Amino acid sequence: MRIDELCINTIRFLAVDAVQKANSGHPGMPMGDAAMAYVLWNKFLKHNPKNPLWMNRDRFVLSAGHGSMLLYSLLHLTGYPLSLKDIKNFRQWGSKTPG
C-alpha cells in the first residue's frame, strides 16, 4: 500500500472510530472526502504546523460541522498540537474536539 493510500485510510478510520466512540456524529463526510482533503492539505495548501498562526497560511474552511472529524484528523496527522487522546475525546464536554 502506498503512503498516500495509508494516510487517506487513516483519516477515514480515525473519523469512524471517533464517531463510534462518541456515539454521536456522522462519519460519511470524512470517509467520502478523505482523499480530496488529503490532496488539498498536502499538495496545495500552504500551512505550517510549527507556526499555526503564520500570517500567509492558506485557510481550509469546512462549513459542514458534521464533517469536523475530517479536519481534526488532518490536524492530528500533519503535526498540529492535537493528540490521539484529543481525537478520542471527540464530542466530549470540554474537549479540544467538540465536533
N, C-alpha and C. Protein backbone atom coordinates (compact mmCIF):
# COMPACT_ATOMS: atom_id res chain seq x y z
N MET A 1 0.85 -1.18 0.00
CA MET A 1 0.00 0.00 0.00
C MET A 1 0.90 1.24 0.00
N ARG A 2 0.59 2.18 -0.85
CA ARG A 2 1.35 3.43 -0.91
C ARG A 2 1.04 4.31 0.30
N ILE A 3 1.98 5.20 0.60
CA ILE A 3 1.81 6.09 1.75
C ILE A 3 0.57 6.97 1.61
N ASP A 4 0.26 7.42 0.40
CA ASP A 4 -0.94 8.24 0.20
C ASP A 4 -2.20 7.47 0.58
N GLU A 5 -2.29 6.24 0.13
CA GLU A 5 -3.46 5.41 0.45
C GLU A 5 -3.54 5.16 1.94
N LEU A 6 -2.40 4.92 2.57
CA LEU A 6 -2.37 4.68 4.01
C LEU A 6 -2.86 5.92 4.77
N CYS A 7 -2.42 7.09 4.37
CA CYS A 7 -2.85 8.33 5.01
C CYS A 7 -4.35 8.55 4.84
N ILE A 8 -4.85 8.35 3.65
CA ILE A 8 -6.27 8.54 3.38
C ILE A 8 -7.11 7.56 4.20
N ASN A 9 -6.70 6.31 4.25
CA ASN A 9 -7.43 5.33 5.05
C ASN A 9 -7.34 5.63 6.54
N THR A 10 -6.21 6.17 6.98
CA THR A 10 -6.07 6.55 8.39
C THR A 10 -7.04 7.67 8.73
N ILE A 11 -7.19 8.64 7.86
CA ILE A 11 -8.18 9.71 8.07
C ILE A 11 -9.56 9.10 8.22
N ARG A 12 -9.89 8.18 7.35
CA ARG A 12 -11.21 7.53 7.39
C ARG A 12 -11.43 6.77 8.70
N PHE A 13 -10.43 5.99 9.11
CA PHE A 13 -10.60 5.18 10.31
C PHE A 13 -10.61 6.03 11.58
N LEU A 14 -9.82 7.09 11.62
CA LEU A 14 -9.88 7.99 12.78
C LEU A 14 -11.29 8.56 12.92
N ALA A 15 -11.88 8.96 11.80
CA ALA A 15 -13.22 9.53 11.83
C ALA A 15 -14.26 8.51 12.29
N VAL A 16 -14.22 7.34 11.71
CA VAL A 16 -15.19 6.30 12.06
C VAL A 16 -15.06 5.92 13.53
N ASP A 17 -13.83 5.71 13.99
CA ASP A 17 -13.61 5.31 15.39
C ASP A 17 -14.08 6.39 16.36
N ALA A 18 -13.77 7.65 16.06
CA ALA A 18 -14.15 8.74 16.97
C ALA A 18 -15.67 8.90 17.03
N VAL A 19 -16.33 8.84 15.89
CA VAL A 19 -17.79 8.97 15.86
C VAL A 19 -18.43 7.80 16.59
N GLN A 20 -17.91 6.60 16.38
CA GLN A 20 -18.45 5.41 17.05
C GLN A 20 -18.28 5.52 18.57
N LYS A 21 -17.09 5.92 19.01
CA LYS A 21 -16.83 6.04 20.45
C LYS A 21 -17.73 7.09 21.09
N ALA A 22 -17.92 8.22 20.39
CA ALA A 22 -18.76 9.29 20.93
C ALA A 22 -20.24 8.95 20.85
N ASN A 23 -20.58 7.96 20.03
CA ASN A 23 -21.97 7.61 19.79
C ASN A 23 -22.75 8.84 19.31
N SER A 24 -22.03 9.67 18.56
CA SER A 24 -22.62 10.91 18.07
C SER A 24 -21.78 11.40 16.89
N GLY A 25 -22.43 11.95 15.90
CA GLY A 25 -21.70 12.48 14.75
C GLY A 25 -22.05 11.73 13.49
N HIS A 26 -21.33 12.06 12.44
CA HIS A 26 -21.61 11.49 11.12
C HIS A 26 -20.30 11.22 10.42
N PRO A 27 -19.95 9.95 10.17
CA PRO A 27 -18.67 9.63 9.54
C PRO A 27 -18.68 9.74 8.01
N GLY A 28 -19.84 9.96 7.40
CA GLY A 28 -19.94 9.93 5.94
C GLY A 28 -19.07 10.94 5.23
N MET A 29 -19.11 12.18 5.68
CA MET A 29 -18.31 13.21 5.01
C MET A 29 -16.81 12.94 5.14
N PRO A 30 -16.29 12.67 6.35
CA PRO A 30 -14.86 12.38 6.44
C PRO A 30 -14.45 11.17 5.61
N MET A 31 -15.29 10.18 5.54
CA MET A 31 -14.95 8.99 4.75
C MET A 31 -14.95 9.32 3.26
N GLY A 32 -15.96 10.05 2.81
CA GLY A 32 -16.08 10.35 1.39
C GLY A 32 -15.10 11.40 0.90
N ASP A 33 -14.75 12.34 1.77
CA ASP A 33 -13.89 13.45 1.36
C ASP A 33 -12.44 13.29 1.79
N ALA A 34 -12.08 12.17 2.37
CA ALA A 34 -10.72 11.98 2.86
C ALA A 34 -9.67 12.15 1.77
N ALA A 35 -9.89 11.56 0.61
CA ALA A 35 -8.90 11.65 -0.47
C ALA A 35 -8.76 13.09 -0.97
N MET A 36 -9.87 13.76 -1.17
CA MET A 36 -9.84 15.15 -1.63
C MET A 36 -9.13 16.04 -0.62
N ALA A 37 -9.48 15.90 0.64
CA ALA A 37 -8.87 16.73 1.68
C ALA A 37 -7.38 16.44 1.83
N TYR A 38 -7.01 15.18 1.73
CA TYR A 38 -5.59 14.81 1.82
C TYR A 38 -4.78 15.49 0.72
N VAL A 39 -5.29 15.44 -0.50
CA VAL A 39 -4.56 16.06 -1.63
C VAL A 39 -4.49 17.57 -1.44
N LEU A 40 -5.60 18.21 -1.09
CA LEU A 40 -5.58 19.66 -0.86
C LEU A 40 -4.58 20.02 0.23
N TRP A 41 -4.69 19.32 1.35
CA TRP A 41 -3.89 19.63 2.54
C TRP A 41 -2.40 19.43 2.28
N ASN A 42 -2.05 18.39 1.54
CA ASN A 42 -0.63 18.04 1.38
C ASN A 42 0.01 18.53 0.08
N LYS A 43 -0.77 18.85 -0.91
CA LYS A 43 -0.20 19.23 -2.20
C LYS A 43 -0.44 20.69 -2.57
N PHE A 44 -1.46 21.32 -2.01
CA PHE A 44 -1.82 22.66 -2.47
C PHE A 44 -1.83 23.73 -1.37
N LEU A 45 -2.37 23.42 -0.21
CA LEU A 45 -2.48 24.43 0.84
C LEU A 45 -1.13 24.74 1.47
N LYS A 46 -0.89 26.02 1.70
CA LYS A 46 0.32 26.45 2.40
C LYS A 46 -0.03 26.57 3.88
N HIS A 47 0.64 25.77 4.70
CA HIS A 47 0.42 25.82 6.15
C HIS A 47 1.67 25.29 6.84
N ASN A 48 1.78 25.56 8.12
CA ASN A 48 2.95 25.15 8.88
C ASN A 48 2.52 24.76 10.29
N PRO A 49 2.55 23.47 10.62
CA PRO A 49 2.13 23.04 11.95
C PRO A 49 2.99 23.62 13.07
N LYS A 50 4.23 23.98 12.76
CA LYS A 50 5.11 24.57 13.77
C LYS A 50 4.77 26.04 14.02
N ASN A 51 4.04 26.63 13.10
CA ASN A 51 3.63 28.03 13.22
C ASN A 51 2.19 28.18 12.72
N PRO A 52 1.22 27.68 13.50
CA PRO A 52 -0.17 27.67 13.03
C PRO A 52 -0.78 29.06 12.85
N LEU A 53 -0.15 30.08 13.38
CA LEU A 53 -0.67 31.44 13.23
C LEU A 53 0.06 32.22 12.14
N TRP A 54 0.84 31.52 11.33
CA TRP A 54 1.57 32.14 10.23
C TRP A 54 0.60 32.97 9.38
N MET A 55 0.93 34.23 9.19
CA MET A 55 0.02 35.15 8.53
C MET A 55 -0.29 34.76 7.08
N ASN A 56 0.65 34.19 6.37
CA ASN A 56 0.45 33.87 4.95
C ASN A 56 -0.07 32.47 4.69
N ARG A 57 -0.53 31.80 5.73
CA ARG A 57 -1.06 30.45 5.54
C ARG A 57 -2.37 30.50 4.76
N ASP A 58 -2.67 29.42 4.08
CA ASP A 58 -3.99 29.27 3.47
C ASP A 58 -4.98 28.85 4.54
N ARG A 59 -6.23 29.12 4.30
CA ARG A 59 -7.29 28.72 5.24
C ARG A 59 -8.11 27.61 4.61
N PHE A 60 -8.37 26.58 5.40
CA PHE A 60 -9.22 25.47 4.98
C PHE A 60 -10.54 25.66 5.72
N VAL A 61 -11.57 26.05 5.00
CA VAL A 61 -12.87 26.32 5.61
C VAL A 61 -13.77 25.12 5.37
N LEU A 62 -14.21 24.53 6.45
CA LEU A 62 -15.12 23.39 6.39
C LEU A 62 -16.41 23.83 7.06
N SER A 63 -17.39 24.21 6.29
CA SER A 63 -18.60 24.79 6.85
C SER A 63 -19.58 23.74 7.37
N ALA A 64 -19.40 22.50 7.00
CA ALA A 64 -20.30 21.43 7.47
C ALA A 64 -19.77 20.86 8.78
N GLY A 65 -20.41 21.25 9.87
CA GLY A 65 -19.96 20.82 11.19
C GLY A 65 -19.94 19.31 11.37
N HIS A 66 -20.84 18.61 10.67
CA HIS A 66 -20.88 17.16 10.83
C HIS A 66 -19.64 16.49 10.22
N GLY A 67 -18.82 17.24 9.50
CA GLY A 67 -17.58 16.69 8.94
C GLY A 67 -16.35 17.10 9.72
N SER A 68 -16.55 17.59 10.94
CA SER A 68 -15.42 18.12 11.72
C SER A 68 -14.31 17.10 11.96
N MET A 69 -14.64 15.82 12.02
CA MET A 69 -13.60 14.81 12.23
C MET A 69 -12.62 14.78 11.06
N LEU A 70 -13.03 15.20 9.89
CA LEU A 70 -12.11 15.30 8.76
C LEU A 70 -11.01 16.31 9.09
N LEU A 71 -11.39 17.47 9.56
CA LEU A 71 -10.41 18.50 9.92
C LEU A 71 -9.55 18.05 11.10
N TYR A 72 -10.16 17.49 12.13
CA TYR A 72 -9.39 17.02 13.28
C TYR A 72 -8.37 15.96 12.88
N SER A 73 -8.76 15.06 12.01
CA SER A 73 -7.83 14.02 11.53
C SER A 73 -6.66 14.63 10.79
N LEU A 74 -6.94 15.57 9.91
CA LEU A 74 -5.87 16.24 9.15
C LEU A 74 -4.92 16.97 10.09
N LEU A 75 -5.46 17.69 11.05
CA LEU A 75 -4.62 18.40 12.00
C LEU A 75 -3.73 17.44 12.78
N HIS A 76 -4.32 16.36 13.26
CA HIS A 76 -3.57 15.37 14.03
C HIS A 76 -2.46 14.74 13.20
N LEU A 77 -2.77 14.33 12.00
CA LEU A 77 -1.80 13.59 11.18
C LEU A 77 -0.71 14.47 10.58
N THR A 78 -0.91 15.77 10.55
CA THR A 78 0.11 16.63 9.95
C THR A 78 0.92 17.42 10.97
N GLY A 79 0.81 17.06 12.23
CA GLY A 79 1.71 17.62 13.23
C GLY A 79 1.22 18.80 14.02
N TYR A 80 -0.04 19.16 13.89
CA TYR A 80 -0.58 20.23 14.71
C TYR A 80 -0.80 19.69 16.13
N PRO A 81 -0.86 20.56 17.13
CA PRO A 81 -0.97 20.09 18.51
C PRO A 81 -2.36 19.53 18.84
N LEU A 82 -2.66 18.41 18.26
CA LEU A 82 -3.91 17.70 18.50
C LEU A 82 -3.56 16.22 18.64
N SER A 83 -3.60 15.73 19.85
CA SER A 83 -3.13 14.37 20.13
C SER A 83 -4.19 13.32 19.81
N LEU A 84 -3.76 12.08 19.83
CA LEU A 84 -4.70 10.97 19.65
C LEU A 84 -5.71 10.96 20.80
N LYS A 85 -5.27 11.34 21.98
CA LYS A 85 -6.19 11.45 23.12
C LYS A 85 -7.27 12.50 22.83
N ASP A 86 -6.87 13.62 22.23
CA ASP A 86 -7.85 14.64 21.85
C ASP A 86 -8.86 14.09 20.85
N ILE A 87 -8.37 13.30 19.90
CA ILE A 87 -9.25 12.67 18.90
C ILE A 87 -10.22 11.72 19.61
N LYS A 88 -9.71 10.96 20.56
CA LYS A 88 -10.55 10.00 21.28
C LYS A 88 -11.61 10.70 22.13
N ASN A 89 -11.38 11.96 22.47
CA ASN A 89 -12.35 12.72 23.26
C ASN A 89 -13.31 13.53 22.38
N PHE A 90 -13.44 13.13 21.14
CA PHE A 90 -14.34 13.79 20.19
C PHE A 90 -15.76 13.87 20.76
N ARG A 91 -16.32 15.07 20.69
CA ARG A 91 -17.69 15.36 21.15
C ARG A 91 -17.90 15.14 22.64
N GLN A 92 -16.83 15.29 23.41
CA GLN A 92 -16.95 15.19 24.86
C GLN A 92 -16.86 16.60 25.45
N TRP A 93 -17.56 16.81 26.52
CA TRP A 93 -17.61 18.12 27.15
C TRP A 93 -16.20 18.59 27.53
N GLY A 94 -15.84 19.79 27.13
CA GLY A 94 -14.55 20.38 27.48
C GLY A 94 -13.38 19.91 26.64
N SER A 95 -13.61 19.10 25.63
CA SER A 95 -12.50 18.58 24.82
C SER A 95 -12.05 19.60 23.78
N LYS A 96 -10.87 19.36 23.21
CA LYS A 96 -10.36 20.19 22.12
C LYS A 96 -11.05 19.85 20.80
N THR A 97 -11.83 18.79 20.79
CA THR A 97 -12.51 18.32 19.58
C THR A 97 -14.02 18.21 19.83
N PRO A 98 -14.69 19.34 20.02
CA PRO A 98 -16.11 19.28 20.39
C PRO A 98 -17.05 18.87 19.27
N GLY A 99 -16.58 18.91 18.03
CA GLY A 99 -17.43 18.48 16.92
C GLY A 99 -18.12 19.59 16.21
